[in-house]
Amino acid sequence: MPSPFRPATELMVQYAAYHRDRRNIATHFVGIPLIVFAIGVFLARAQFDVAQWHLTPAWLVWALAAAWYLTRGNLVLGLATTVVNGLLIWAAHPFALGGTGAWLACGLVTFFTGWVLQFIGHYYEGRKPAFVDDLVGLLVGPMFIVGEALFAAGLCRPLAHEIETRTGPTLLRDLAHPVA
């Protein structure tokens, strides 16, 4: 199994190789945030106090993930991913405060919807999800969509160029023809 501590460029290139169809990328822009949000909902239910802070497992997981993103060698991408994930976790917390049924329903519906979108995207792609071959893909997914947003805004151009050079341009796969 490849190391999860590879540089952001290597992680993004590997992940992008599974994500060249624009429809797949589009479904990931919705599906991945839904999954991160759902994980936040599930992990925000339990609370414990540290000094004056009310912490949840969601914030601990976010902090660990943030440390990982920030040490992949691309500070802009790491910071942006950390901020986006933090906003999703923050938005998830109020949903953990309701009744058990509402909390579970919110978490399950958003989690399930996110994964359905992921698999619809991979139908268009004609390939299995990246995490099937490398579980670190589950961490790279949020970084990938944040990276794609940064690229669309004209940021991180060297990384965008490296990804496209090594994996090819994005496209719309002809569904009538199987992937070679």
C-alpha atoms as a PDB file:
ATOM      1  CA  MET A   1       0.000   0.000   0.000  1.00  0.00           C
ATOM      2  CA  PRO A   2       1.401   3.418  -0.950  1.00  0.00           C
ATOM      3  CA  SER A   3       2.283   5.796   1.853  1.00  0.00           C
ATOM      4  CA  PRO A   4      -0.440   8.226   2.934  1.00  0.00           C
ATOM      5  CA  PHE A   5       2.325  10.773   3.524  1.00  0.00           C
ATOM      6  CA  ARG A   6       3.094  11.431  -0.154  1.00  0.00           C
ATOM      7  CA  PRO A   7       3.229  15.045  -1.364  1.00  0.00           C
ATOM      8  CA  ALA A   8       0.004  16.746  -2.470  1.00  0.00           C
ATOM      9  CA  THR A   9       1.113  16.671  -6.099  1.00  0.00           C
ATOM     10  CA  GLU A  10       1.479  12.885  -6.109  1.00  0.00           C
ATOM     11  CA  LEU A  11      -1.791  12.381  -4.241  1.00  0.00           C
ATOM     12  CA  MET A  12      -3.683  14.725  -6.555  1.00  0.00           C
ATOM     13  CA  VAL A  13      -2.240  13.170  -9.721  1.00  0.00           C
ATOM     14  CA  GLN A  14      -3.165   9.674  -8.559  1.00  0.00           C
ATOM     15  CA  TYR A  15      -6.684  10.775  -7.580  1.00  0.00           C
ATOM     16  CA  ALA A  16      -7.168  12.791 -10.786  1.00  0.00           C
ATOM     17  CA  ALA A  17      -6.358   9.713 -12.870  1.00  0.00           C
ATOM     18  CA  TYR A  18      -9.692   8.307 -11.634  1.00  0.00           C
ATOM     19  CA  HIS A  19     -11.497  11.606 -12.250  1.00  0.00           C
ATOM     20  CA  ARG A  20     -11.145  12.914 -15.813  1.00  0.00           C
ATOM     21  CA  ASP A  21     -14.816  12.988 -16.835  1.00  0.00           C
ATOM     22  CA  ARG A  22     -16.309  16.417 -16.115  1.00  0.00           C
ATOM     23  CA  ARG A  23     -19.621  14.883 -15.022  1.00  0.00           C
ATOM     24  CA  ASN A  24     -17.787  12.773 -12.456  1.00  0.00           C
ATOM     25  CA  ILE A  25     -15.987  15.845 -11.146  1.00  0.00           C
ATOM     26  CA  ALA A  26     -19.313  17.726 -10.986  1.00  0.00           C
ATOM     27  CA  THR A  27     -20.962  14.976  -8.925  1.00  0.00           C
ATOM     28  CA  HIS A  28     -17.965  15.031  -6.591  1.00  0.00           C
ATOM     29  CA  PHE A  29     -18.438  18.777  -6.008  1.00  0.00           C
ATOM     30  CA  VAL A  30     -21.751  17.928  -4.354  1.00  0.00           C
ATOM     31  CA  GLY A  31     -21.167  14.379  -3.108  1.00  0.00           C
ATOM     32  CA  ILE A  32     -17.909  14.901  -1.232  1.00  0.00           C
ATOM     33  CA  PRO A  33     -19.117  17.909   0.792  1.00  0.00           C
ATOM     34  CA  LEU A  34     -22.287  15.970   1.654  1.00  0.00           C
ATOM     35  CA  ILE A  35     -20.182  13.077   2.949  1.00  0.00           C
ATOM     36  CA  VAL A  36     -17.885  15.361   4.978  1.00  0.00           C
ATOM     37  CA  PHE A  37     -20.954  17.147   6.362  1.00  0.00           C
ATOM     38  CA  ALA A  38     -22.591  13.813   7.275  1.00  0.00           C
ATOM     39  CA  ILE A  39     -19.460  12.629   9.069  1.00  0.00           C
ATOM     40  CA  GLY A  40     -19.538  15.929  10.957  1.00  0.00           C
ATOM     41  CA  VAL A  41     -23.174  15.315  11.921  1.00  0.00           C
ATOM     42  CA  PHE A  42     -22.418  11.800  13.169  1.00  0.00           C
ATOM     43  CA  LEU A  43     -19.336  12.877  15.141  1.00  0.00           C
ATOM     44  CA  ALA A  44     -20.824  16.061  16.612  1.00  0.00           C
ATOM     45  CA  ARG A  45     -23.305  14.301  18.897  1.00  0.00           C
ATOM     46  CA  ALA A  46     -20.893  13.475  21.734  1.00  0.00           C
ATOM     47  CA  GLN A  47     -19.437  16.496  23.527  1.00  0.00           C
ATOM     48  CA  PHE A  48     -16.796  16.961  26.168  1.00  0.00           C
ATOM     49  CA  ASP A  49     -15.345  20.041  27.809  1.00  0.00           C
ATOM     50  CA  VAL A  50     -11.706  21.060  27.750  1.00  0.00           C
ATOM     51  CA  ALA A  51     -11.253  24.257  29.775  1.00  0.00           C
ATOM     52  CA  GLN A  52     -13.936  26.598  28.396  1.00  0.00           C
ATOM     53  CA  TRP A  53     -14.194  24.765  25.057  1.00  0.00           C
ATOM     54  CA  HIS A  54     -17.003  22.364  24.129  1.00  0.00           C
ATOM     55  CA  LEU A  55     -15.292  19.815  21.887  1.00  0.00           C
ATOM     56  CA  THR A  56     -16.681  16.964  19.838  1.00  0.00           C
ATOM     57  CA  PRO A  57     -15.063  14.028  18.054  1.00  0.00           C
ATOM     58  CA  ALA A  58     -15.885  15.888  14.814  1.00  0.00           C
ATOM     59  CA  TRP A  59     -13.446  18.664  15.738  1.00  0.00           C
ATOM     60  CA  LEU A  60     -10.771  16.171  16.760  1.00  0.00           C
ATOM     61  CA  VAL A  61     -11.049  14.357  13.415  1.00  0.00           C
ATOM     62  CA  TRP A  62     -10.993  17.730  11.644  1.00  0.00           C
ATOM     63  CA  ALA A  63      -7.801  18.712  13.514  1.00  0.00           C
ATOM     64  CA  LEU A  64      -6.081  15.441  12.584  1.00  0.00           C
ATOM     65  CA  ALA A  65      -7.141  15.808   8.953  1.00  0.00           C
ATOM     66  CA  ALA A  66      -6.020  19.455   8.977  1.00  0.00           C
ATOM     67  CA  ALA A  67      -2.571  18.424  10.197  1.00  0.00           C
ATOM     68  CA  TRP A  68      -2.393  15.918   7.342  1.00  0.00           C
ATOM     69  CA  TYR A  69      -3.544  18.416   4.662  1.00  0.00           C
ATOM     70  CA  LEU A  70      -1.184  21.110   5.915  1.00  0.00           C
ATOM     71  CA  THR A  71       1.840  18.806   5.735  1.00  0.00           C
ATOM     72  CA  ARG A  72       1.411  17.597   2.145  1.00  0.00           C
ATOM     73  CA  GLY A  73       3.706  20.314   0.785  1.00  0.00           C
ATOM     74  CA  ASN A  74       1.169  22.680  -0.790  1.00  0.00           C
ATOM     75  CA  LEU A  75       0.217  25.262   1.819  1.00  0.00           C
ATOM     76  CA  VAL A  76      -2.474  27.044  -0.225  1.00  0.00           C
ATOM     77  CA  LEU A  77      -4.242  23.779  -1.034  1.00  0.00           C
ATOM     78  CA  GLY A  78      -3.829  22.520   2.534  1.00  0.00           C
ATOM     79  CA  LEU A  79      -5.203  25.725   4.067  1.00  0.00           C
ATOM     80  CA  ALA A  80      -8.116  25.924   1.648  1.00  0.00           C
ATOM     81  CA  THR A  81      -9.068  22.290   2.245  1.00  0.00           C
ATOM     82  CA  THR A  82      -8.817  22.751   6.003  1.00  0.00           C
ATOM     83  CA  VAL A  83     -11.058  25.834   5.880  1.00  0.00           C
ATOM     84  CA  VAL A  84     -13.682  24.183   3.651  1.00  0.00           C
ATOM     85  CA  ASN A  85     -13.781  21.057   5.817  1.00  0.00           C
ATOM     86  CA  GLY A  86     -13.959  23.238   8.929  1.00  0.00           C
ATOM     87  CA  LEU A  87     -16.957  25.117   7.554  1.00  0.00           C
ATOM     88  CA  LEU A  88     -18.720  21.833   6.783  1.00  0.00           C
ATOM     89  CA  ILE A  89     -18.008  20.489  10.277  1.00  0.00           C
ATOM     90  CA  TRP A  90     -19.169  23.772  11.832  1.00  0.00           C
ATOM     91  CA  ALA A  91     -22.391  23.655   9.776  1.00  0.00           C
ATOM     92  CA  ALA A  92     -22.998  20.043  10.850  1.00  0.00           C
ATOM     93  CA  HIS A  93     -22.935  20.714  14.585  1.00  0.00           C
ATOM     94  CA  PRO A  94     -26.436  22.213  14.985  1.00  0.00           C
ATOM     95  CA  PHE A  95     -27.930  19.066  13.433  1.00  0.00           C
ATOM     96  CA  ALA A  96     -26.428  16.961  16.212  1.00  0.00           C
ATOM     97  CA  LEU A  97     -28.334  18.929  18.852  1.00  0.00           C
ATOM     98  CA  GLY A  98     -31.807  17.743  17.864  1.00  0.00           C
ATOM     99  CA  GLY A  99     -33.530  14.538  18.763  1.00  0.00           C
ATOM    100  CA  THR A 100     -31.910  11.211  18.003  1.00  0.00           C
ATOM    101  CA  GLY A 101     -34.227  10.515  15.066  1.00  0.00           C
ATOM    102  CA  ALA A 102     -33.585  13.868  13.407  1.00  0.00           C
ATOM    103  CA  TRP A 103     -29.833  13.571  14.021  1.00  0.00           C
ATOM    104  CA  LEU A 104     -29.672  10.080  12.498  1.00  0.00           C
ATOM    105  CA  ALA A 105     -31.951  10.983   9.597  1.00  0.00           C
ATOM    106  CA  CYS A 106     -29.872  14.035   8.706  1.00  0.00           C
ATOM    107  CA  GLY A 107     -26.611  12.120   8.907  1.00  0.00           C
ATOM    108  CA  LEU A 108     -27.846   9.058   7.034  1.00  0.00           C
ATOM    109  CA  VAL A 109     -29.646  10.951   4.264  1.00  0.00           C
ATOM    110  CA  THR A 110     -26.698  13.244   3.538  1.00  0.00           C
ATOM    111  CA  PHE A 111     -24.177  10.390   3.780  1.00  0.00           C
ATOM    112  CA  PHE A 112     -26.212   8.117   1.501  1.00  0.00           C
ATOM    113  CA  THR A 113     -26.933  10.916  -0.995  1.00  0.00           C
ATOM    114  CA  GLY A 114     -23.258  11.853  -1.135  1.00  0.00           C
ATOM    115  CA  TRP A 115     -22.219   8.282  -1.895  1.00  0.00           C
ATOM    116  CA  VAL A 116     -24.952   7.812  -4.507  1.00  0.00           C
ATOM    117  CA  LEU A 117     -23.641  10.914  -6.280  1.00  0.00           C
ATOM    118  CA  GLN A 118     -20.100   9.537  -6.100  1.00  0.00           C
ATOM    119  CA  PHE A 119     -21.121   6.289  -7.753  1.00  0.00           C
ATOM    120  CA  ILE A 120     -23.193   8.081 -10.412  1.00  0.00           C
ATOM    121  CA  GLY A 121     -20.070  10.081 -11.222  1.00  0.00           C
ATOM    122  CA  HIS A 122     -17.999   6.940 -11.518  1.00  0.00           C
ATOM    123  CA  TYR A 123     -20.575   5.477 -13.894  1.00  0.00           C
ATOM    124  CA  TYR A 124     -19.814   8.436 -16.182  1.00  0.00           C
ATOM    125  CA  GLU A 125     -16.112   7.961 -15.584  1.00  0.00           C
ATOM    126  CA  GLY A 126     -16.235   4.266 -16.395  1.00  0.00           C
ATOM    127  CA  ARG A 127     -13.834   3.529 -13.533  1.00  0.00           C
ATOM    128  CA  LYS A 128     -14.075   2.442  -9.940  1.00  0.00           C
ATOM    129  CA  PRO A 129     -13.501   5.053  -7.209  1.00  0.00           C
ATOM    130  CA  ALA A 130      -9.877   5.813  -6.300  1.00  0.00           C
ATOM    131  CA  PHE A 131     -10.281   4.636  -2.699  1.00  0.00           C
ATOM    132  CA  VAL A 132     -10.857   1.074  -3.917  1.00  0.00           C
ATOM    133  CA  ASP A 133      -7.152   0.902  -4.813  1.00  0.00           C
ATOM    134  CA  ASP A 134      -5.832   3.240  -2.110  1.00  0.00           C
ATOM    135  CA  LEU A 135      -7.827   4.113   1.023  1.00  0.00           C
ATOM    136  CA  VAL A 136      -6.006   7.434   1.335  1.00  0.00           C
ATOM    137  CA  GLY A 137      -8.278   8.494  -1.535  1.00  0.00           C
ATOM    138  CA  LEU A 138     -10.942   9.061   1.115  1.00  0.00           C
ATOM    139  CA  LEU A 139      -8.788  11.910   2.467  1.00  0.00           C
ATOM    140  CA  VAL A 140      -7.718  13.121  -0.963  1.00  0.00           C
ATOM    141  CA  GLY A 141     -11.305  13.564  -2.208  1.00  0.00           C
ATOM    142  CA  PRO A 142     -11.954  16.813  -0.299  1.00  0.00           C
ATOM    143  CA  MET A 143      -8.515  18.099  -1.308  1.00  0.00           C
ATOM    144  CA  PHE A 144      -9.259  17.259  -4.949  1.00  0.00           C
ATOM    145  CA  ILE A 145     -12.511  19.216  -5.138  1.00  0.00           C
ATOM    146  CA  VAL A 146     -10.981  22.177  -3.311  1.00  0.00           C
ATOM    147  CA  GLY A 147      -8.069  21.977  -5.752  1.00  0.00           C
ATOM    148  CA  GLU A 148     -10.454  21.947  -8.713  1.00  0.00           C
ATOM    149  CA  ALA A 149     -12.187  25.048  -7.314  1.00  0.00           C
ATOM    150  CA  LEU A 150      -8.822  26.770  -6.862  1.00  0.00           C
ATOM    151  CA  PHE A 151      -7.828  25.850 -10.432  1.00  0.00           C
ATOM    152  CA  ALA A 152     -11.119  27.295 -11.740  1.00  0.00           C
ATOM    153  CA  ALA A 153     -10.300  30.528  -9.871  1.00  0.00           C
ATOM    154  CA  GLY A 154      -6.892  30.662 -11.553  1.00  0.00           C
ATOM    155  CA  LEU A 155      -4.955  29.639  -8.440  1.00  0.00           C
ATOM    156  CA  CYS A 156      -2.396  26.841  -7.992  1.00  0.00           C
ATOM    157  CA  ARG A 157      -1.672  26.837 -11.735  1.00  0.00           C
ATOM    158  CA  PRO A 158       1.559  24.810 -11.469  1.00  0.00           C
ATOM    159  CA  LEU A 159      -0.323  22.005  -9.695  1.00  0.00           C
ATOM    160  CA  ALA A 160      -3.158  22.128 -12.247  1.00  0.00           C
ATOM    161  CA  HIS A 161      -0.607  21.957 -15.075  1.00  0.00           C
ATOM    162  CA  GLU A 162       1.214  19.012 -13.486  1.00  0.00           C
ATOM    163  CA  ILE A 163      -2.040  17.090 -13.024  1.00  0.00           C
ATOM    164  CA  GLU A 164      -3.160  17.672 -16.608  1.00  0.00           C
ATOM    165  CA  THR A 165       0.283  16.848 -17.997  1.00  0.00           C
ATOM    166  CA  ARG A 166       0.359  13.524 -16.162  1.00  0.00           C
ATOM    167  CA  THR A 167      -3.306  12.486 -16.419  1.00  0.00           C
ATOM    168  CA  GLY A 168      -4.590  14.256 -19.522  1.00  0.00           C
ATOM    169  CA  PRO A 169      -7.326  16.855 -19.888  1.00  0.00           C
ATOM    170  CA  THR A 170     -10.818  16.496 -18.505  1.00  0.00           C
ATOM    171  CA  LEU A 171     -13.397  15.249 -20.990  1.00  0.00           C
ATOM    172  CA  LEU A 172     -16.900  13.924 -21.470  1.00  0.00           C
ATOM    173  CA  ARG A 173     -16.592  10.180 -21.967  1.00  0.00           C
ATOM    174  CA  ASP A 174     -18.733   8.679 -24.709  1.00  0.00           C
ATOM    175  CA  LEU A 175     -20.954   6.299 -22.757  1.00  0.00           C
ATOM    176  CA  ALA A 176     -21.589   4.198 -25.870  1.00  0.00           C
ATOM    177  CA  HIS A 177     -17.987   3.022 -25.872  1.00  0.00           C
ATOM    178  CA  PRO A 178     -16.402   1.077 -23.020  1.00  0.00           C
ATOM    179  CA  VAL A 179     -13.269   2.361 -21.354  1.00  0.00           C
ATOM    180  CA  ALA A 180     -10.155   0.746 -22.776  1.00  0.00           C
END
